[in-house]
Amino acid sequence: MTWTRLKERVDGFADTPGLLLTQKLLRRVPFRPVDIGQLCFLQLNSVPDVPPSMVRGHAEVRFATMRDLEALTRLQDKTSIFRERFAEGDRCVVAIVDDRIVGYEWFSDSAVHHEAAWGYPITIPGGFVYAYDAYIDPPYRNTGLWLRFKASLAEWMAARGKRGVLTFVDYGNWPSLRTHLRFGFEPTESVVAVRVIGLRLFRKVRAIGAATWSFLSWLAMHPASLHLHHAERALHVAVAVVRR
């Protein structure tokens, strides 16, 4: 490894928030006996509003059925998971281009949804829909499919008298976080999740405001100069003090 490459790696660690750095180190351990994450919940207190002028592209968007299971599996190999979701009554909206599913997003309007990765029980407020597990094939990202999913969901919600959308973003997924904030989602709470050899522990923490999240995500997505790096560190310290 060259000195320049080593310096880039060290600088990358220095710019990484403590939680994400800890997560990266733990996930390098074989069999991952210990893991940590943070679920950042956001809420849209209305039916999604997607103006027709914002809907671009030529993908067909519709709700999937069990007949689409094989095509969904070709996009992501989650046959048993997808089958279980259909059986539980969750809904999946898919985007189709040239007769191929290139993206999907799942929705649930049950009273409680158990998050798959951590097993955390998510209470869905009355009249709300829980949106989760969105995936778009890389070549089709940033082509407006996510907005098409939201427009399709809006039609379904309006027909059933629904009034809002709940979702969460993993801490560190800055592009997704910024997209949700720009769309109008507001942070509600965050949950720190720890798994130790099968034992799961959860702790709710105060949600960081939308303005702070926007600033943090901007810093993370733009390589910071030294003064911005120190500003980010100072902000993390300030947030930690407020949480005590």
C-alpha atoms as a PDB file:
ATOM      1  CA  MET A   1       0.000   0.000   0.000  1.00  0.00           C
ATOM      2  CA  THR A   2       1.372   3.394  -0.966  1.00  0.00           C
ATOM      3  CA  TRP A   3       1.787   6.234   1.526  1.00  0.00           C
ATOM      4  CA  THR A   4      -0.858   8.259  -0.328  1.00  0.00           C
ATOM      5  CA  ARG A   5      -3.358   5.390  -0.155  1.00  0.00           C
ATOM      6  CA  LEU A   6      -2.629   4.865   3.546  1.00  0.00           C
ATOM      7  CA  LYS A   7      -3.115   8.570   4.232  1.00  0.00           C
ATOM      8  CA  GLU A   8      -6.462   8.510   2.364  1.00  0.00           C
ATOM      9  CA  ARG A   9      -7.654   5.627   4.531  1.00  0.00           C
ATOM     10  CA  VAL A  10      -6.583   7.353   7.737  1.00  0.00           C
ATOM     11  CA  ASP A  11      -8.306  10.583   6.635  1.00  0.00           C
ATOM     12  CA  GLY A  12     -11.418   8.564   5.806  1.00  0.00           C
ATOM     13  CA  PHE A  13     -11.507   7.113   9.321  1.00  0.00           C
ATOM     14  CA  ALA A  14     -11.014  10.585  10.795  1.00  0.00           C
ATOM     15  CA  ASP A  15     -14.022  11.883   8.856  1.00  0.00           C
ATOM     16  CA  THR A  16     -16.259   8.953   9.858  1.00  0.00           C
ATOM     17  CA  PRO A  17     -18.727   9.501  12.732  1.00  0.00           C
ATOM     18  CA  GLY A  18     -17.994   7.345  15.775  1.00  0.00           C
ATOM     19  CA  LEU A  19     -21.052   5.120  15.398  1.00  0.00           C
ATOM     20  CA  LEU A  20     -20.257   4.289  11.775  1.00  0.00           C
ATOM     21  CA  LEU A  21     -16.594   3.678  12.551  1.00  0.00           C
ATOM     22  CA  THR A  22     -17.539   1.264  15.344  1.00  0.00           C
ATOM     23  CA  GLN A  23     -20.011  -0.451  13.016  1.00  0.00           C
ATOM     24  CA  LYS A  24     -17.392  -0.906  10.293  1.00  0.00           C
ATOM     25  CA  LEU A  25     -14.890  -2.413  12.735  1.00  0.00           C
ATOM     26  CA  LEU A  26     -17.440  -4.797  14.287  1.00  0.00           C
ATOM     27  CA  ARG A  27     -18.589  -5.994  10.877  1.00  0.00           C
ATOM     28  CA  ARG A  28     -15.057  -7.048   9.988  1.00  0.00           C
ATOM     29  CA  VAL A  29     -15.122  -9.629  12.800  1.00  0.00           C
ATOM     30  CA  PRO A  30     -15.874 -13.165  11.507  1.00  0.00           C
ATOM     31  CA  PHE A  31     -19.465 -14.335  12.110  1.00  0.00           C
ATOM     32  CA  ARG A  32     -20.264 -10.827  13.442  1.00  0.00           C
ATOM     33  CA  PRO A  33     -20.956 -11.783  17.113  1.00  0.00           C
ATOM     34  CA  VAL A  34     -21.558  -8.120  17.989  1.00  0.00           C
ATOM     35  CA  ASP A  35     -23.243  -5.518  15.795  1.00  0.00           C
ATOM     36  CA  ILE A  36     -24.554  -2.003  16.253  1.00  0.00           C
ATOM     37  CA  GLY A  37     -26.763   0.301  14.205  1.00  0.00           C
ATOM     38  CA  GLN A  38     -29.105   3.243  14.452  1.00  0.00           C
ATOM     39  CA  LEU A  39     -32.578   3.448  12.943  1.00  0.00           C
ATOM     40  CA  CYS A  40     -33.547   7.047  12.166  1.00  0.00           C
ATOM     41  CA  PHE A  41     -37.340   7.258  11.916  1.00  0.00           C
ATOM     42  CA  LEU A  42     -39.034   9.891   9.783  1.00  0.00           C
ATOM     43  CA  GLN A  43     -42.675  10.766   9.279  1.00  0.00           C
ATOM     44  CA  LEU A  44     -44.635  12.452   6.499  1.00  0.00           C
ATOM     45  CA  ASN A  45     -47.820  13.889   7.981  1.00  0.00           C
ATOM     46  CA  SER A  46     -49.766  13.874   4.743  1.00  0.00           C
ATOM     47  CA  VAL A  47     -50.410  11.858   1.628  1.00  0.00           C
ATOM     48  CA  PRO A  48     -47.335  12.072  -0.647  1.00  0.00           C
ATOM     49  CA  ASP A  49     -47.644  14.964  -3.091  1.00  0.00           C
ATOM     50  CA  VAL A  50     -45.850  14.293  -6.365  1.00  0.00           C
ATOM     51  CA  PRO A  51     -46.692  16.883  -9.060  1.00  0.00           C
ATOM     52  CA  PRO A  52     -47.070  15.343 -12.536  1.00  0.00           C
ATOM     53  CA  SER A  53     -44.207  17.539 -13.741  1.00  0.00           C
ATOM     54  CA  MET A  54     -41.851  15.654 -11.389  1.00  0.00           C
ATOM     55  CA  VAL A  55     -42.823  12.210 -12.680  1.00  0.00           C
ATOM     56  CA  ARG A  56     -40.317  11.402 -15.393  1.00  0.00           C
ATOM     57  CA  GLY A  57     -39.173   8.336 -17.269  1.00  0.00           C
ATOM     58  CA  HIS A  58     -41.172   5.627 -18.981  1.00  0.00           C
ATOM     59  CA  ALA A  59     -41.233   2.890 -16.359  1.00  0.00           C
ATOM     60  CA  GLU A  60     -44.501   1.126 -15.607  1.00  0.00           C
ATOM     61  CA  VAL A  61     -45.260   1.255 -11.873  1.00  0.00           C
ATOM     62  CA  ARG A  62     -47.845  -1.051 -10.319  1.00  0.00           C
ATOM     63  CA  PHE A  63     -48.472  -3.189  -7.257  1.00  0.00           C
ATOM     64  CA  ALA A  64     -46.928  -6.656  -7.387  1.00  0.00           C
ATOM     65  CA  THR A  65     -48.590  -9.997  -6.702  1.00  0.00           C
ATOM     66  CA  MET A  66     -47.293 -13.465  -5.897  1.00  0.00           C
ATOM     67  CA  ARG A  67     -47.001 -14.018  -9.651  1.00  0.00           C
ATOM     68  CA  ASP A  68     -44.143 -11.504  -9.616  1.00  0.00           C
ATOM     69  CA  LEU A  69     -42.172 -13.436  -6.991  1.00  0.00           C
ATOM     70  CA  GLU A  70     -39.720 -14.958  -9.468  1.00  0.00           C
ATOM     71  CA  ALA A  71     -39.049 -11.604 -11.146  1.00  0.00           C
ATOM     72  CA  LEU A  72     -38.534  -9.931  -7.756  1.00  0.00           C
ATOM     73  CA  THR A  73     -36.098 -12.678  -6.800  1.00  0.00           C
ATOM     74  CA  ARG A  74     -34.067 -12.083  -9.942  1.00  0.00           C
ATOM     75  CA  LEU A  75     -33.591  -8.498  -8.789  1.00  0.00           C
ATOM     76  CA  GLN A  76     -32.721  -9.494  -5.210  1.00  0.00           C
ATOM     77  CA  ASP A  77     -32.466 -13.046  -3.919  1.00  0.00           C
ATOM     78  CA  LYS A  78     -34.996 -12.838  -1.072  1.00  0.00           C
ATOM     79  CA  THR A  79     -37.506 -15.495  -2.094  1.00  0.00           C
ATOM     80  CA  SER A  80     -38.546 -16.603   1.398  1.00  0.00           C
ATOM     81  CA  ILE A  81     -38.654 -13.020   2.700  1.00  0.00           C
ATOM     82  CA  PHE A  82     -40.795 -11.801  -0.206  1.00  0.00           C
ATOM     83  CA  ARG A  83     -43.130 -14.785   0.103  1.00  0.00           C
ATOM     84  CA  GLU A  84     -43.569 -14.138   3.836  1.00  0.00           C
ATOM     85  CA  ARG A  85     -44.362 -10.462   3.243  1.00  0.00           C
ATOM     86  CA  PHE A  86     -47.042 -11.295   0.689  1.00  0.00           C
ATOM     87  CA  ALA A  87     -48.524 -13.838   3.117  1.00  0.00           C
ATOM     88  CA  GLU A  88     -48.671 -11.200   5.872  1.00  0.00           C
ATOM     89  CA  GLY A  89     -50.578  -8.823   3.618  1.00  0.00           C
ATOM     90  CA  ASP A  90     -47.800  -6.303   2.962  1.00  0.00           C
ATOM     91  CA  ARG A  91     -47.862  -4.596  -0.421  1.00  0.00           C
ATOM     92  CA  CYS A  92     -45.056  -4.166  -2.904  1.00  0.00           C
ATOM     93  CA  VAL A  93     -44.960  -1.566  -5.667  1.00  0.00           C
ATOM     94  CA  VAL A  94     -42.629  -2.394  -8.563  1.00  0.00           C
ATOM     95  CA  ALA A  95     -41.118  -0.507 -11.487  1.00  0.00           C
ATOM     96  CA  ILE A  96     -40.957  -2.352 -14.805  1.00  0.00           C
ATOM     97  CA  VAL A  97     -38.763  -1.453 -17.779  1.00  0.00           C
ATOM     98  CA  ASP A  98     -38.636  -3.647 -20.901  1.00  0.00           C
ATOM     99  CA  ASP A  99     -40.693  -6.352 -19.135  1.00  0.00           C
ATOM    100  CA  ARG A 100     -38.183  -6.541 -16.260  1.00  0.00           C
ATOM    101  CA  ILE A 101     -38.645  -5.445 -12.648  1.00  0.00           C
ATOM    102  CA  VAL A 102     -35.920  -2.878 -11.961  1.00  0.00           C
ATOM    103  CA  GLY A 103     -37.045  -1.615  -8.559  1.00  0.00           C
ATOM    104  CA  TYR A 104     -39.472  -2.082  -5.708  1.00  0.00           C
ATOM    105  CA  GLU A 105     -40.644  -0.669  -2.390  1.00  0.00           C
ATOM    106  CA  TRP A 106     -42.688  -2.411   0.311  1.00  0.00           C
ATOM    107  CA  PHE A 107     -45.545  -0.972   2.393  1.00  0.00           C
ATOM    108  CA  SER A 108     -47.423  -2.135   5.457  1.00  0.00           C
ATOM    109  CA  ASP A 109     -50.500  -0.749   7.189  1.00  0.00           C
ATOM    110  CA  SER A 110     -50.586  -3.309   9.996  1.00  0.00           C
ATOM    111  CA  ALA A 111     -50.617  -2.127  13.618  1.00  0.00           C
ATOM    112  CA  VAL A 112     -47.051  -3.405  14.188  1.00  0.00           C
ATOM    113  CA  HIS A 113     -44.272  -4.318  11.770  1.00  0.00           C
ATOM    114  CA  HIS A 114     -41.206  -6.286  12.864  1.00  0.00           C
ATOM    115  CA  GLU A 115     -38.154  -4.845  11.120  1.00  0.00           C
ATOM    116  CA  ALA A 116     -36.263  -7.643   9.353  1.00  0.00           C
ATOM    117  CA  ALA A 117     -32.606  -6.842  10.031  1.00  0.00           C
ATOM    118  CA  TRP A 118     -32.898  -6.200  13.781  1.00  0.00           C
ATOM    119  CA  GLY A 119     -36.317  -7.587  14.673  1.00  0.00           C
ATOM    120  CA  TYR A 120     -37.360  -4.246  16.135  1.00  0.00           C
ATOM    121  CA  PRO A 121     -41.166  -3.938  16.565  1.00  0.00           C
ATOM    122  CA  ILE A 122     -42.322  -0.777  14.765  1.00  0.00           C
ATOM    123  CA  THR A 123     -45.671   0.606  15.868  1.00  0.00           C
ATOM    124  CA  ILE A 124     -47.503   2.120  12.899  1.00  0.00           C
ATOM    125  CA  PRO A 125     -49.799   5.021  13.895  1.00  0.00           C
ATOM    126  CA  GLY A 126     -53.456   4.773  12.935  1.00  0.00           C
ATOM    127  CA  GLY A 127     -54.055   6.029   9.407  1.00  0.00           C
ATOM    128  CA  PHE A 128     -50.369   5.732   8.532  1.00  0.00           C
ATOM    129  CA  VAL A 129     -48.527   3.472   6.114  1.00  0.00           C
ATOM    130  CA  TYR A 130     -45.052   2.137   6.863  1.00  0.00           C
ATOM    131  CA  ALA A 131     -42.740   2.320   3.824  1.00  0.00           C
ATOM    132  CA  TYR A 132     -39.680   0.082   3.895  1.00  0.00           C
ATOM    133  CA  ASP A 133     -37.072  -1.874   1.960  1.00  0.00           C
ATOM    134  CA  ALA A 134     -36.872   0.213  -1.207  1.00  0.00           C
ATOM    135  CA  TYR A 135     -34.427  -1.062  -3.811  1.00  0.00           C
ATOM    136  CA  ILE A 136     -33.654   0.148  -7.329  1.00  0.00           C
ATOM    137  CA  ASP A 137     -31.287  -1.530  -9.758  1.00  0.00           C
ATOM    138  CA  PRO A 138     -28.153   0.707  -9.896  1.00  0.00           C
ATOM    139  CA  PRO A 139     -28.469   1.661 -13.613  1.00  0.00           C
ATOM    140  CA  TYR A 140     -31.966   3.031 -12.906  1.00  0.00           C
ATOM    141  CA  ARG A 141     -31.193   5.066  -9.809  1.00  0.00           C
ATOM    142  CA  ASN A 142     -31.709   8.836  -9.977  1.00  0.00           C
ATOM    143  CA  THR A 143     -34.212   8.359 -12.811  1.00  0.00           C
ATOM    144  CA  GLY A 144     -37.328   9.310 -10.847  1.00  0.00           C
ATOM    145  CA  LEU A 145     -38.462   5.808  -9.855  1.00  0.00           C
ATOM    146  CA  TRP A 146     -38.593   6.662  -6.142  1.00  0.00           C
ATOM    147  CA  LEU A 147     -40.987   9.524  -6.888  1.00  0.00           C
ATOM    148  CA  ARG A 148     -43.097   7.202  -9.013  1.00  0.00           C
ATOM    149  CA  PHE A 149     -43.330   4.810  -6.065  1.00  0.00           C
ATOM    150  CA  LYS A 150     -44.535   7.664  -3.864  1.00  0.00           C
ATOM    151  CA  ALA A 151     -47.069   8.800  -6.476  1.00  0.00           C
ATOM    152  CA  SER A 152     -48.466   5.264  -6.690  1.00  0.00           C
ATOM    153  CA  LEU A 153     -48.621   5.061  -2.901  1.00  0.00           C
ATOM    154  CA  ALA A 154     -50.437   8.418  -2.791  1.00  0.00           C
ATOM    155  CA  GLU A 155     -53.235   7.097  -5.015  1.00  0.00           C
ATOM    156  CA  TRP A 156     -53.614   3.992  -2.868  1.00  0.00           C
ATOM    157  CA  MET A 157     -53.623   6.037   0.377  1.00  0.00           C
ATOM    158  CA  ALA A 158     -56.148   8.568  -0.901  1.00  0.00           C
ATOM    159  CA  ALA A 159     -58.546   5.780  -1.896  1.00  0.00           C
ATOM    160  CA  ARG A 160     -58.348   4.300   1.609  1.00  0.00           C
ATOM    161  CA  GLY A 161     -58.365   7.435   3.722  1.00  0.00           C
ATOM    162  CA  LYS A 162     -54.767   7.153   4.902  1.00  0.00           C
ATOM    163  CA  ARG A 163     -53.116  10.301   6.252  1.00  0.00           C
ATOM    164  CA  GLY A 164     -49.365   9.802   6.553  1.00  0.00           C
ATOM    165  CA  VAL A 165     -46.223   7.734   5.918  1.00  0.00           C
ATOM    166  CA  LEU A 166     -43.715   6.352   8.418  1.00  0.00           C
ATOM    167  CA  THR A 167     -40.254   5.148   7.427  1.00  0.00           C
ATOM    168  CA  PHE A 168     -36.717   4.879   8.714  1.00  0.00           C
ATOM    169  CA  VAL A 169     -33.254   5.377   7.275  1.00  0.00           C
ATOM    170  CA  ASP A 170     -30.098   3.735   8.574  1.00  0.00           C
ATOM    171  CA  TYR A 171     -27.751   6.247  10.164  1.00  0.00           C
ATOM    172  CA  GLY A 172     -25.047   6.939   7.601  1.00  0.00           C
ATOM    173  CA  ASN A 173     -27.253   6.480   4.529  1.00  0.00           C
ATOM    174  CA  TRP A 174     -26.925  10.174   3.728  1.00  0.00           C
ATOM    175  CA  PRO A 175     -28.334  10.153   0.157  1.00  0.00           C
ATOM    176  CA  SER A 176     -31.562   8.460   1.303  1.00  0.00           C
ATOM    177  CA  LEU A 177     -31.825  10.736   4.313  1.00  0.00           C
ATOM    178  CA  ARG A 178     -31.478  13.888   2.232  1.00  0.00           C
ATOM    179  CA  THR A 179     -34.032  12.624  -0.293  1.00  0.00           C
ATOM    180  CA  HIS A 180     -36.610  12.032   2.451  1.00  0.00           C
ATOM    181  CA  LEU A 181     -35.965  15.415   4.091  1.00  0.00           C
ATOM    182  CA  ARG A 182     -36.321  17.240   0.778  1.00  0.00           C
ATOM    183  CA  PHE A 183     -39.583  15.412   0.138  1.00  0.00           C
ATOM    184  CA  GLY A 184     -41.021  16.679   3.420  1.00  0.00           C
ATOM    185  CA  PHE A 185     -40.369  13.892   5.915  1.00  0.00           C
ATOM    186  CA  GLU A 186     -39.622  15.037   9.486  1.00  0.00           C
ATOM    187  CA  PRO A 187     -37.415  13.168  12.002  1.00  0.00           C
ATOM    188  CA  THR A 188     -39.424  11.670  14.876  1.00  0.00           C
ATOM    189  CA  GLU A 189     -37.077   9.448  16.876  1.00  0.00           C
ATOM    190  CA  SER A 190     -33.962   7.333  16.567  1.00  0.00           C
ATOM    191  CA  VAL A 191     -33.361   3.850  17.935  1.00  0.00           C
ATOM    192  CA  VAL A 192     -29.890   2.510  18.703  1.00  0.00           C
ATOM    193  CA  ALA A 193     -29.827  -1.248  18.104  1.00  0.00           C
ATOM    194  CA  VAL A 194     -27.189  -3.596  19.530  1.00  0.00           C
ATOM    195  CA  ARG A 195     -26.968  -7.311  18.853  1.00  0.00           C
ATOM    196  CA  VAL A 196     -24.707  -9.490  21.026  1.00  0.00           C
ATOM    197  CA  ILE A 197     -24.639 -13.172  19.990  1.00  0.00           C
ATOM    198  CA  GLY A 198     -28.347 -13.202  19.173  1.00  0.00           C
ATOM    199  CA  LEU A 199     -29.443 -10.978  22.069  1.00  0.00           C
ATOM    200  CA  ARG A 200     -30.998  -7.727  20.793  1.00  0.00           C
ATOM    201  CA  LEU A 201     -31.028  -4.509  22.787  1.00  0.00           C
ATOM    202  CA  PHE A 202     -32.794  -1.312  21.736  1.00  0.00           C
ATOM    203  CA  ARG A 203     -32.653   2.199  23.115  1.00  0.00           C
ATOM    204  CA  LYS A 204     -34.674   5.156  21.903  1.00  0.00           C
ATOM    205  CA  VAL A 205     -32.821   8.458  21.672  1.00  0.00           C
ATOM    206  CA  ARG A 206     -33.948  11.970  20.889  1.00  0.00           C
ATOM    207  CA  ALA A 207     -34.386  12.623  17.189  1.00  0.00           C
ATOM    208  CA  ILE A 208     -32.002  15.090  15.595  1.00  0.00           C
ATOM    209  CA  GLY A 209     -33.779  17.984  13.884  1.00  0.00           C
ATOM    210  CA  ALA A 210     -34.154  18.148  10.123  1.00  0.00           C
ATOM    211  CA  ALA A 211     -31.754  21.091   9.825  1.00  0.00           C
ATOM    212  CA  THR A 212     -29.041  19.244  11.761  1.00  0.00           C
ATOM    213  CA  TRP A 213     -29.546  16.071   9.722  1.00  0.00           C
ATOM    214  CA  SER A 214     -29.263  18.081   6.514  1.00  0.00           C
ATOM    215  CA  PHE A 215     -26.011  19.640   7.712  1.00  0.00           C
ATOM    216  CA  LEU A 216     -24.527  16.304   8.770  1.00  0.00           C
ATOM    217  CA  SER A 217     -25.470  14.624   5.512  1.00  0.00           C
ATOM    218  CA  TRP A 218     -24.037  17.535   3.518  1.00  0.00           C
ATOM    219  CA  LEU A 219     -20.732  17.225   5.383  1.00  0.00           C
ATOM    220  CA  ALA A 220     -20.616  13.473   4.846  1.00  0.00           C
ATOM    221  CA  MET A 221     -21.348  13.741   1.115  1.00  0.00           C
ATOM    222  CA  HIS A 222     -18.791  16.508   0.490  1.00  0.00           C
ATOM    223  CA  PRO A 223     -15.148  15.773   1.377  1.00  0.00           C
ATOM    224  CA  ALA A 224     -14.514  18.223   4.184  1.00  0.00           C
ATOM    225  CA  SER A 225     -11.623  20.586   4.532  1.00  0.00           C
ATOM    226  CA  LEU A 226     -10.014  20.771   7.958  1.00  0.00           C
ATOM    227  CA  HIS A 227     -12.317  23.460   9.334  1.00  0.00           C
ATOM    228  CA  LEU A 228     -15.434  21.596   8.187  1.00  0.00           C
ATOM    229  CA  HIS A 229     -14.088  18.407   9.727  1.00  0.00           C
ATOM    230  CA  HIS A 230     -13.701  20.142  13.077  1.00  0.00           C
ATOM    231  CA  ALA A 231     -17.179  21.639  12.749  1.00  0.00           C
ATOM    232  CA  GLU A 232     -18.640  18.163  12.237  1.00  0.00           C
ATOM    233  CA  ARG A 233     -16.812  16.816  15.275  1.00  0.00           C
ATOM    234  CA  ALA A 234     -17.999  19.750  17.379  1.00  0.00           C
ATOM    235  CA  LEU A 235     -21.565  19.138  16.238  1.00  0.00           C
ATOM    236  CA  HIS A 236     -21.396  15.479  17.226  1.00  0.00           C
ATOM    237  CA  VAL A 237     -20.129  16.488  20.669  1.00  0.00           C
ATOM    238  CA  ALA A 238     -22.950  19.013  21.034  1.00  0.00           C
ATOM    239  CA  VAL A 239     -25.543  16.395  20.055  1.00  0.00           C
ATOM    240  CA  ALA A 240     -24.077  13.939  22.582  1.00  0.00           C
ATOM    241  CA  VAL A 241     -24.281  16.543  25.347  1.00  0.00           C
ATOM    242  CA  VAL A 242     -27.921  17.339  24.542  1.00  0.00           C
ATOM    243  CA  ARG A 243     -28.830  13.644  24.719  1.00  0.00           C
ATOM    244  CA  ARG A 244     -27.476  13.229  28.256  1.00  0.00           C
END
